[in-house]
Protein backbone atom coordinates (compact mmCIF):
# COMPACT_ATOMS: atom_id res chain seq x y z
CA MET A 1 53.20 120.42 149.18
CA GLY A 2 56.71 121.38 148.04
CA ALA A 3 58.32 120.46 151.35
CA ASP A 4 56.53 117.08 151.45
CA PHE A 5 57.75 116.23 147.96
CA LYS A 6 61.34 117.06 148.88
CA ALA A 7 61.16 114.89 151.98
CA LYS A 8 59.67 111.91 150.09
CA ALA A 9 61.96 112.20 147.07
CA LYS A 10 65.07 112.73 149.13
CA ARG A 11 65.46 109.05 149.99
CA SER A 12 64.91 107.76 146.44
CA PHE A 13 67.62 109.80 144.68
CA GLU A 14 71.14 108.49 144.88
CA LYS A 15 74.25 110.39 143.85
CA CYS A 16 76.88 108.53 141.89
CA TRP A 17 79.66 109.24 139.42
CA ASP A 18 79.38 108.12 135.83
CA ASN A 19 82.96 106.89 135.42
CA ALA A 20 82.63 106.38 131.66
CA ALA A 21 81.52 109.99 131.20
CA VAL A 22 84.36 111.20 133.42
CA ALA A 23 86.89 109.22 131.38
CA ALA A 24 85.44 110.47 128.10
CA ASN A 25 85.58 114.10 129.22
CA THR A 26 89.07 113.94 130.76
CA PRO A 27 91.62 115.62 128.49
CA ASP A 28 94.35 113.21 127.45
CA LEU A 29 96.55 115.30 125.17
CA PHE A 30 99.48 115.21 127.59
CA ALA A 31 98.70 111.83 129.19
CA ARG A 32 101.63 109.46 129.54
CA GLY A 33 99.62 106.31 128.84
CA ALA A 34 100.57 104.33 125.77
CA ASP A 35 98.03 104.03 122.98
CA ARG A 36 96.67 100.55 122.48
CA ALA A 37 97.17 99.30 118.96
CA PRO A 38 94.80 96.60 117.74
CA SER A 39 96.27 93.13 117.35
CA ARG A 40 96.91 91.90 113.85
CA TYR A 41 96.42 88.31 112.75
CA GLU A 42 97.62 86.42 109.69
CA ALA A 43 94.98 85.27 107.25
CA GLU A 44 95.02 83.70 103.83
CA ALA A 45 92.57 83.80 100.96
CA ILE A 46 90.46 80.71 100.41
CA GLY A 47 90.69 79.31 96.88
CA SER A 48 90.84 81.97 94.19
CA ALA A 49 89.08 84.69 96.19
CA THR A 50 90.35 88.22 95.55
CA VAL A 51 90.95 90.26 98.68
CA SER A 52 92.27 93.81 98.83
CA VAL A 53 93.54 96.06 101.61
CA GLY A 54 90.73 98.04 103.24
CA GLU A 55 88.00 95.43 102.79
CA SER A 56 85.94 94.25 105.76
CA PHE A 57 84.47 90.81 106.30
CA SER A 58 82.28 89.15 108.89
CA VAL A 59 84.18 86.35 110.61
CA ARG A 60 82.87 83.33 112.53
CA MET A 61 84.45 80.47 114.41
CA GLU A 62 84.05 77.24 112.45
CA GLY A 63 85.67 74.46 114.43
CA SER A 64 89.12 75.66 115.44
CA GLN A 65 89.43 78.07 112.51
CA LEU A 66 88.17 81.59 112.00
CA VAL A 67 86.49 81.99 108.59
CA GLY A 68 85.80 85.35 106.97
CA ARG A 69 82.87 85.58 104.59
CA ARG A 70 81.77 87.97 101.87
CA GLY A 71 78.03 87.45 101.90
CA THR A 72 77.67 83.68 102.14
CA SER A 73 80.89 82.64 100.41
CA PRO A 74 84.05 82.00 102.47
CA VAL A 75 86.91 84.34 101.57
CA LEU A 76 89.49 84.44 104.40
CA LEU A 77 90.89 81.88 106.80
CA VAL A 78 92.64 82.60 110.10
CA SER A 79 93.88 79.12 110.89
CA ASN A 80 95.40 79.65 114.35
CA PRO A 81 93.37 82.21 116.33
CA THR A 82 94.68 82.84 119.83
CA LYS A 83 92.77 81.70 122.89
CA ASN A 84 91.93 85.30 123.83
CA LEU A 85 90.61 85.98 120.34
CA ARG A 86 88.42 82.86 120.45
CA LEU A 87 87.03 83.87 123.86
CA SER A 88 86.24 87.41 122.76
CA ILE A 89 84.49 86.19 119.62
CA GLU A 90 82.46 83.68 121.66
CA GLN A 91 81.37 86.54 123.94
CA GLY A 92 80.27 88.48 120.85
CA CYS A 93 77.71 85.85 119.74
CA ASN A 94 80.37 84.00 117.73
CA ILE A 95 80.67 86.75 115.11
CA ALA A 96 83.05 89.67 114.60
CA ARG A 97 84.23 92.09 111.92
CA ALA A 98 87.70 91.77 110.34
CA SER A 99 89.42 94.48 108.32
CA VAL A 100 92.33 93.77 105.98
CA VAL A 101 95.14 96.21 106.83
CA ALA A 102 98.11 94.81 104.88
CA SER A 103 98.98 92.16 102.33
CA ASP A 104 102.06 90.34 101.07
CA PRO A 105 101.60 89.68 97.35
CA ILE A 106 104.38 87.09 97.18
CA SER A 107 103.11 84.78 99.92
CA GLY A 108 99.42 85.66 99.62
CA ILE A 109 99.17 86.30 103.37
CA PHE A 110 97.04 89.16 104.67
CA GLU A 111 97.12 90.98 107.99
CA VAL A 112 93.70 91.56 109.55
CA THR A 113 92.46 93.33 112.64
CA ILE A 114 89.43 91.93 114.43
CA HIS A 115 86.82 94.38 115.76
C-alpha cells in the first residue's frame, strides 16, 4: 500500500521555487541596491478644509483630477496626476490611500504620497 501511494502521488507533486519567499528571506543588509522612495505629489486643500501632516485620506479619480476625501466631504485636490499614477489607481479599483507628508504654510500646498 505504501509503495503504490508513492508511485501514484509521484506524478502529481511538482517542485518549484517560491520566489517571493526567497526574496523575503534573503538578507539585504549589505546589498548595493538603492532603496525606492515613494513619489510625492503636490496637493492643495479644497475650500477651508484643515489638513495636517500625518493625516491619511482616501483618494479617487474624478475626471482628470484626483480628489481626497475625509468621509464623504472632499478635502484635497491633486490637479495634475501623472499618467503612471492614473494607471495604477485605475488598476486598484479607482481608489487609493494618500498620506500627507509635508506642508508649506505660506502657499497652502501639501506633499502627499499615494499608497
